[in-house]
């Protein structure tokens, strides 16, 4: 049974948002503990692109299992 494209899009979006929330929580904890004092812009962009890529792959993978 194949999923409708609308469900796949929502699944991908939810995966992206979930991964971004986890990454932001880790960054906030590390900044609060004093491990990270400054964070360069390229690291933030790399984390953003990583979360988008992982979200797309996770959403597509979950839609294939249904």
PDB file of N, CA and C in Angstrom:
ATOM      1  N   UNK A   1       0.850  -1.170   0.000  1.00  0.00           N
ATOM      2  CA  UNK A   1       0.000   0.000   0.000  1.00  0.00           C
ATOM      3  C   UNK A   1       0.893   1.230   0.000  1.00  0.00           C
ATOM      4  N   UNK A   2       0.649   2.142  -0.912  1.00  0.00           N
ATOM      5  CA  UNK A   2       1.479   3.346  -0.981  1.00  0.00           C
ATOM      6  C   UNK A   2       0.784   4.491  -0.263  1.00  0.00           C
ATOM      7  N   UNK A   3       1.599   5.373   0.314  1.00  0.00           N
ATOM      8  CA  UNK A   3       1.067   6.536   1.008  1.00  0.00           C
ATOM      9  C   UNK A   3       0.835   7.654   0.016  1.00  0.00           C
ATOM     10  N   UNK A   4      -0.112   8.509   0.331  1.00  0.00           N
ATOM     11  CA  UNK A   4      -0.331   9.654  -0.545  1.00  0.00           C
ATOM     12  C   UNK A   4       0.827  10.631  -0.395  1.00  0.00           C
ATOM     13  N   UNK A   5       1.127  11.417  -1.440  1.00  0.00           N
ATOM     14  CA  UNK A   5       2.241  12.368  -1.366  1.00  0.00           C
ATOM     15  C   UNK A   5       2.072  13.378  -0.246  1.00  0.00           C
ATOM     16  N   UNK A   6       0.830  13.676   0.104  1.00  0.00           N
ATOM     17  CA  UNK A   6       0.575  14.625   1.179  1.00  0.00           C
ATOM     18  C   UNK A   6       1.073  14.080   2.514  1.00  0.00           C
ATOM     19  N   UNK A   7       0.822  12.792   2.777  1.00  0.00           N
ATOM     20  CA  UNK A   7       1.276  12.179   4.021  1.00  0.00           C
ATOM     21  C   UNK A   7       2.790  12.091   4.079  1.00  0.00           C
ATOM     22  N   UNK A   8       3.440  11.847   2.947  1.00  0.00           N
ATOM     23  CA  UNK A   8       4.893  11.762   2.902  1.00  0.00           C
ATOM     24  C   UNK A   8       5.489  13.136   3.199  1.00  0.00           C
ATOM     25  N   UNK A   9       4.899  14.179   2.643  1.00  0.00           N
ATOM     26  CA  UNK A   9       5.380  15.535   2.888  1.00  0.00           C
ATOM     27  C   UNK A   9       5.251  15.924   4.346  1.00  0.00           C
ATOM     28  N   UNK A  10       4.147  15.578   4.955  1.00  0.00           N
ATOM     29  CA  UNK A  10       3.946  15.884   6.371  1.00  0.00           C
ATOM     30  C   UNK A  10       4.918  15.089   7.224  1.00  0.00           C
ATOM     31  N   UNK A  11       5.138  13.842   6.874  1.00  0.00           N
ATOM     32  CA  UNK A  11       6.077  13.004   7.612  1.00  0.00           C
ATOM     33  C   UNK A  11       7.494  13.576   7.535  1.00  0.00           C
ATOM     34  N   UNK A  12       7.908  14.004   6.352  1.00  0.00           N
ATOM     35  CA  UNK A  12       9.235  14.591   6.187  1.00  0.00           C
ATOM     36  C   UNK A  12       9.361  15.869   7.004  1.00  0.00           C
ATOM     37  N   UNK A  13       8.330  16.713   6.960  1.00  0.00           N
ATOM     38  CA  UNK A  13       8.354  17.960   7.717  1.00  0.00           C
ATOM     39  C   UNK A  13       8.444  17.700   9.215  1.00  0.00           C
ATOM     40  N   UNK A  14       7.710  16.723   9.707  1.00  0.00           N
ATOM     41  CA  UNK A  14       7.748  16.404  11.135  1.00  0.00           C
ATOM     42  C   UNK A  14       9.108  15.851  11.552  1.00  0.00           C
ATOM     43  N   UNK A  15       9.719  15.042  10.702  1.00  0.00           N
ATOM     44  CA  UNK A  15      11.060  14.542  10.997  1.00  0.00           C
ATOM     45  C   UNK A  15      12.066  15.692  11.060  1.00  0.00           C
ATOM     46  N   UNK A  16      11.988  16.625  10.119  1.00  0.00           N
ATOM     47  CA  UNK A  16      12.908  17.763  10.097  1.00  0.00           C
ATOM     48  C   UNK A  16      12.747  18.598  11.362  1.00  0.00           C
ATOM     49  N   UNK A  17      11.514  18.887  11.734  1.00  0.00           N
ATOM     50  CA  UNK A  17      11.264  19.690  12.931  1.00  0.00           C
ATOM     51  C   UNK A  17      11.745  18.962  14.179  1.00  0.00           C
ATOM     52  N   UNK A  18      11.505  17.661  14.248  1.00  0.00           N
ATOM     53  CA  UNK A  18      11.950  16.888  15.415  1.00  0.00           C
ATOM     54  C   UNK A  18      13.462  16.878  15.558  1.00  0.00           C
ATOM     55  N   UNK A  19      14.163  16.679  14.452  1.00  0.00           N
ATOM     56  CA  UNK A  19      15.627  16.651  14.504  1.00  0.00           C
ATOM     57  C   UNK A  19      16.170  18.025  14.876  1.00  0.00           C
ATOM     58  N   UNK A  20      15.563  19.088  14.334  1.00  0.00           N
ATOM     59  CA  UNK A  20      16.003  20.446  14.680  1.00  0.00           C
ATOM     60  C   UNK A  20      15.797  20.734  16.167  1.00  0.00           C
ATOM     61  N   UNK A  21      14.680  20.292  16.721  1.00  0.00           N
ATOM     62  CA  UNK A  21      14.422  20.509  18.142  1.00  0.00           C
ATOM     63  C   UNK A  21      15.442  19.784  19.013  1.00  0.00           C
ATOM     64  N   UNK A  22      15.787  18.567  18.641  1.00  0.00           N
ATOM     65  CA  UNK A  22      16.778  17.811  19.413  1.00  0.00           C
ATOM     66  C   UNK A  22      18.145  18.489  19.335  1.00  0.00           C
ATOM     67  N   UNK A  23      18.547  18.914  18.131  1.00  0.00           N
ATOM     68  CA  UNK A  23      19.841  19.585  17.983  1.00  0.00           C
ATOM     69  C   UNK A  23      19.882  20.899  18.770  1.00  0.00           C
ATOM     70  N   UNK A  24      18.798  21.659  18.728  1.00  0.00           N
ATOM     71  CA  UNK A  24      18.769  22.919  19.476  1.00  0.00           C
ATOM     72  C   UNK A  24      18.824  22.659  20.987  1.00  0.00           C
ATOM     73  N   UNK A  25      18.143  21.619  21.445  1.00  0.00           N
ATOM     74  CA  UNK A  25      18.187  21.296  22.869  1.00  0.00           C
ATOM     75  C   UNK A  25      19.606  20.925  23.307  1.00  0.00           C
ATOM     76  N   UNK A  26      20.303  20.145  22.477  1.00  0.00           N
ATOM     77  CA  UNK A  26      21.688  19.776  22.793  1.00  0.00           C
ATOM     78  C   UNK A  26      22.571  21.015  22.833  1.00  0.00           C
ATOM     79  N   UNK A  27      22.394  21.916  21.873  1.00  0.00           N
ATOM     80  CA  UNK A  27      23.195  23.145  21.857  1.00  0.00           C
ATOM     81  C   UNK A  27      22.922  24.021  23.070  1.00  0.00           C
ATOM     82  N   UNK A  28      21.671  24.135  23.461  1.00  0.00           N
ATOM     83  CA  UNK A  28      21.325  24.946  24.632  1.00  0.00           C
ATOM     84  C   UNK A  28      21.940  24.363  25.897  1.00  0.00           C
ATOM     85  N   UNK A  29      21.887  23.042  26.039  1.00  0.00           N
ATOM     86  CA  UNK A  29      22.485  22.402  27.217  1.00  0.00           C
ATOM     87  C   UNK A  29      23.997  22.605  27.228  1.00  0.00           C
ATOM     88  N   UNK A  30      24.648  22.433  26.082  1.00  0.00           N
ATOM     89  CA  UNK A  30      26.102  22.620  26.022  1.00  0.00           C
ATOM     90  C   UNK A  30      26.501  24.064  26.299  1.00  0.00           C
ATOM     91  N   UNK A  31      25.710  25.017  25.816  1.00  0.00           N
ATOM     92  CA  UNK A  31      25.998  26.423  26.119  1.00  0.00           C
ATOM     93  C   UNK A  31      25.772  26.709  27.606  1.00  0.00           C
ATOM     94  N   UNK A  32      24.739  26.108  28.170  1.00  0.00           N
ATOM     95  CA  UNK A  32      24.453  26.313  29.592  1.00  0.00           C
ATOM     96  C   UNK A  32      25.533  25.731  30.485  1.00  0.00           C
ATOM     97  N   UNK A  33      26.125  24.632  30.085  1.00  0.00           N
ATOM     98  CA  UNK A  33      27.206  24.020  30.861  1.00  0.00           C
ATOM     99  C   UNK A  33      28.543  24.718  30.646  1.00  0.00           C
ATOM    100  N   UNK A  34      28.608  25.610  29.674  1.00  0.00           N
ATOM    101  CA  UNK A  34      29.843  26.339  29.414  1.00  0.00           C
ATOM    102  C   UNK A  34      30.785  25.628  28.469  1.00  0.00           C
ATOM    103  N   UNK A  35      30.348  24.531  27.877  1.00  0.00           N
ATOM    104  CA  UNK A  35      31.197  23.799  26.940  1.00  0.00           C
ATOM    105  C   UNK A  35      31.346  24.607  25.657  1.00  0.00           C
ATOM    106  N   UNK A  36      30.251  25.182  25.187  1.00  0.00           N
ATOM    107  CA  UNK A  36      30.268  26.026  24.002  1.00  0.00           C
ATOM    108  C   UNK A  36      30.112  27.482  24.423  1.00  0.00           C
ATOM    109  N   UNK A  37      31.075  28.287  24.090  1.00  0.00           N
ATOM    110  CA  UNK A  37      30.946  29.713  24.393  1.00  0.00           C
ATOM    111  C   UNK A  37      30.472  30.474  23.166  1.00  0.00           C
ATOM    112  N   UNK A  38      31.084  30.221  22.029  1.00  0.00           N
ATOM    113  CA  UNK A  38      30.631  30.828  20.776  1.00  0.00           C
ATOM    114  C   UNK A  38      30.483  29.736  19.736  1.00  0.00           C
ATOM    115  N   UNK A  39      29.595  29.968  18.812  1.00  0.00           N
ATOM    116  CA  UNK A  39      29.332  28.993  17.761  1.00  0.00           C
ATOM    117  C   UNK A  39      29.378  29.718  16.422  1.00  0.00           C
ATOM    118  N   UNK A  40      30.326  29.352  15.548  1.00  0.00           N
ATOM    119  CA  UNK A  40      30.426  30.026  14.247  1.00  0.00           C
ATOM    120  C   UNK A  40      29.179  29.792  13.393  1.00  0.00           C
ATOM    121  N   UNK A  41      28.931  30.716  12.479  1.00  0.00           N
ATOM    122  CA  UNK A  41      27.747  30.613  11.618  1.00  0.00           C
ATOM    123  C   UNK A  41      27.776  29.376  10.736  1.00  0.00           C
ATOM    124  N   UNK A  42      28.954  28.967  10.281  1.00  0.00           N
ATOM    125  CA  UNK A  42      29.002  27.804   9.395  1.00  0.00           C
ATOM    126  C   UNK A  42      28.610  26.518  10.129  1.00  0.00           C
ATOM    127  N   UNK A  43      28.822  26.469  11.420  1.00  0.00           N
ATOM    128  CA  UNK A  43      28.398  25.291  12.190  1.00  0.00           C
ATOM    129  C   UNK A  43      26.877  25.253  12.290  1.00  0.00           C
ATOM    130  N   UNK A  44      26.276  26.400  12.484  1.00  0.00           N
ATOM    131  CA  UNK A  44      24.813  26.468  12.548  1.00  0.00           C
ATOM    132  C   UNK A  44      24.210  26.058  11.211  1.00  0.00           C
ATOM    133  N   UNK A  45      24.782  26.537  10.097  1.00  0.00           N
ATOM    134  CA  UNK A  45      24.288  26.156   8.776  1.00  0.00           C
ATOM    135  C   UNK A  45      24.495  24.665   8.524  1.00  0.00           C
ATOM    136  N   UNK A  46      25.610  24.134   8.965  1.00  0.00           N
ATOM    137  CA  UNK A  46      25.871  22.701   8.776  1.00  0.00           C
ATOM    138  C   UNK A  46      24.852  21.866   9.553  1.00  0.00           C
ATOM    139  N   UNK A  47      24.533  22.272  10.773  1.00  0.00           N
ATOM    140  CA  UNK A  47      23.528  21.547  11.560  1.00  0.00           C
ATOM    141  C   UNK A  47      22.149  21.659  10.934  1.00  0.00           C
ATOM    142  N   UNK A  48      21.835  22.819  10.381  1.00  0.00           N
ATOM    143  CA  UNK A  48      20.552  23.003   9.721  1.00  0.00           C
ATOM    144  C   UNK A  48      20.440  22.097   8.498  1.00  0.00           C
ATOM    145  N   UNK A  49      21.472  22.075   7.668  1.00  0.00           N
ATOM    146  CA  UNK A  49      21.454  21.219   6.482  1.00  0.00           C
ATOM    147  C   UNK A  49      21.447  19.739   6.854  1.00  0.00           C
ATOM    148  N   UNK A  50      22.155  19.383   7.917  1.00  0.00           N
ATOM    149  CA  UNK A  50      22.160  18.005   8.389  1.00  0.00           C
ATOM    150  C   UNK A  50      20.766  17.583   8.845  1.00  0.00           C
ATOM    151  N   UNK A  51      20.082  18.444   9.569  1.00  0.00           N
ATOM    152  CA  UNK A  51      18.744  18.088  10.039  1.00  0.00           C
ATOM    153  C   UNK A  51      17.757  17.985   8.885  1.00  0.00           C
ATOM    154  N   UNK A  52      17.893  18.832   7.868  1.00  0.00           N
ATOM    155  CA  UNK A  52      17.008  18.739   6.713  1.00  0.00           C
ATOM    156  C   UNK A  52      17.259  17.426   5.967  1.00  0.00           C
ATOM    157  N   UNK A  53      18.522  17.092   5.750  1.00  0.00           N
ATOM    158  CA  UNK A  53      18.847  15.850   5.063  1.00  0.00           C
ATOM    159  C   UNK A  53      18.387  14.628   5.825  1.00  0.00           C
ATOM    160  N   UNK A  54      18.619  14.618   7.127  1.00  0.00           N
ATOM    161  CA  UNK A  54      18.187  13.477   7.931  1.00  0.00           C
ATOM    162  C   UNK A  54      16.666  13.388   7.985  1.00  0.00           C
ATOM    163  N   UNK A  55      15.996  14.535   8.006  1.00  0.00           N
ATOM    164  CA  UNK A  55      14.535  14.538   8.016  1.00  0.00           C
ATOM    165  C   UNK A  55      13.953  13.985   6.735  1.00  0.00           C
ATOM    166  N   UNK A  56      14.546  14.359   5.611  1.00  0.00           N
ATOM    167  CA  UNK A  56      14.068  13.843   4.333  1.00  0.00           C
ATOM    168  C   UNK A  56      14.272  12.336   4.252  1.00  0.00           C
ATOM    169  N   UNK A  57      15.457  11.880   4.623  1.00  0.00           N
ATOM    170  CA  UNK A  57      15.726  10.439   4.577  1.00  0.00           C
ATOM    171  C   UNK A  57      14.835   9.669   5.549  1.00  0.00           C
ATOM    172  N   UNK A  58      14.649  10.199   6.753  1.00  0.00           N
ATOM    173  CA  UNK A  58      13.795   9.526   7.733  1.00  0.00           C
ATOM    174  C   UNK A  58      12.341   9.483   7.287  1.00  0.00           C
ATOM    175  N   UNK A  59      11.856  10.569   6.709  1.00  0.00           N
ATOM    176  CA  UNK A  59      10.472  10.601   6.232  1.00  0.00           C
ATOM    177  C   UNK A  59      10.247   9.648   5.084  1.00  0.00           C
ATOM    178  N   UNK A  60      11.193   9.585   4.159  1.00  0.00           N
ATOM    179  CA  UNK A  60      11.053   8.662   3.039  1.00  0.00           C
ATOM    180  C   UNK A  60      11.147   7.209   3.502  1.00  0.00           C
ATOM    181  N   UNK A  61      12.025   6.982   4.462  1.00  0.00           N
ATOM    182  CA  UNK A  61      12.182   5.622   4.978  1.00  0.00           C
ATOM    183  C   UNK A  61      10.928   5.160   5.695  1.00  0.00           C
ATOM    184  N   UNK A  62      10.324   6.042   6.486  1.00  0.00           N
ATOM    185  CA  UNK A  62       9.117   5.648   7.208  1.00  0.00           C
ATOM    186  C   UNK A  62       7.943   5.469   6.256  1.00  0.00           C
ATOM    187  N   UNK A  63       7.910   6.223   5.161  1.00  0.00           N
ATOM    188  CA  UNK A  63       6.801   6.069   4.221  1.00  0.00           C
ATOM    189  C   UNK A  63       6.918   4.779   3.426  1.00  0.00           C
ATOM    190  N   UNK A  64       8.122   4.252   3.267  1.00  0.00           N
ATOM    191  CA  UNK A  64       8.305   2.989   2.546  1.00  0.00           C
ATOM    192  C   UNK A  64       7.923   1.792   3.406  1.00  0.00           C
ATOM    193  N   UNK A  65       7.965   1.939   4.715  1.00  0.00           N
ATOM    194  CA  UNK A  65       7.626   0.822   5.607  1.00  0.00           C
ATOM    195  C   UNK A  65       6.136   0.605   5.703  1.00  0.00           C
ATOM    196  N   UNK A  66       5.326   1.580   5.353  1.00  0.00           N
ATOM    197  CA  UNK A  66       3.876   1.451   5.498  1.00  0.00           C
ATOM    198  C   UNK A  66       3.287   0.612   4.419  1.00  0.00           C
TER     199      UNK A  66
END
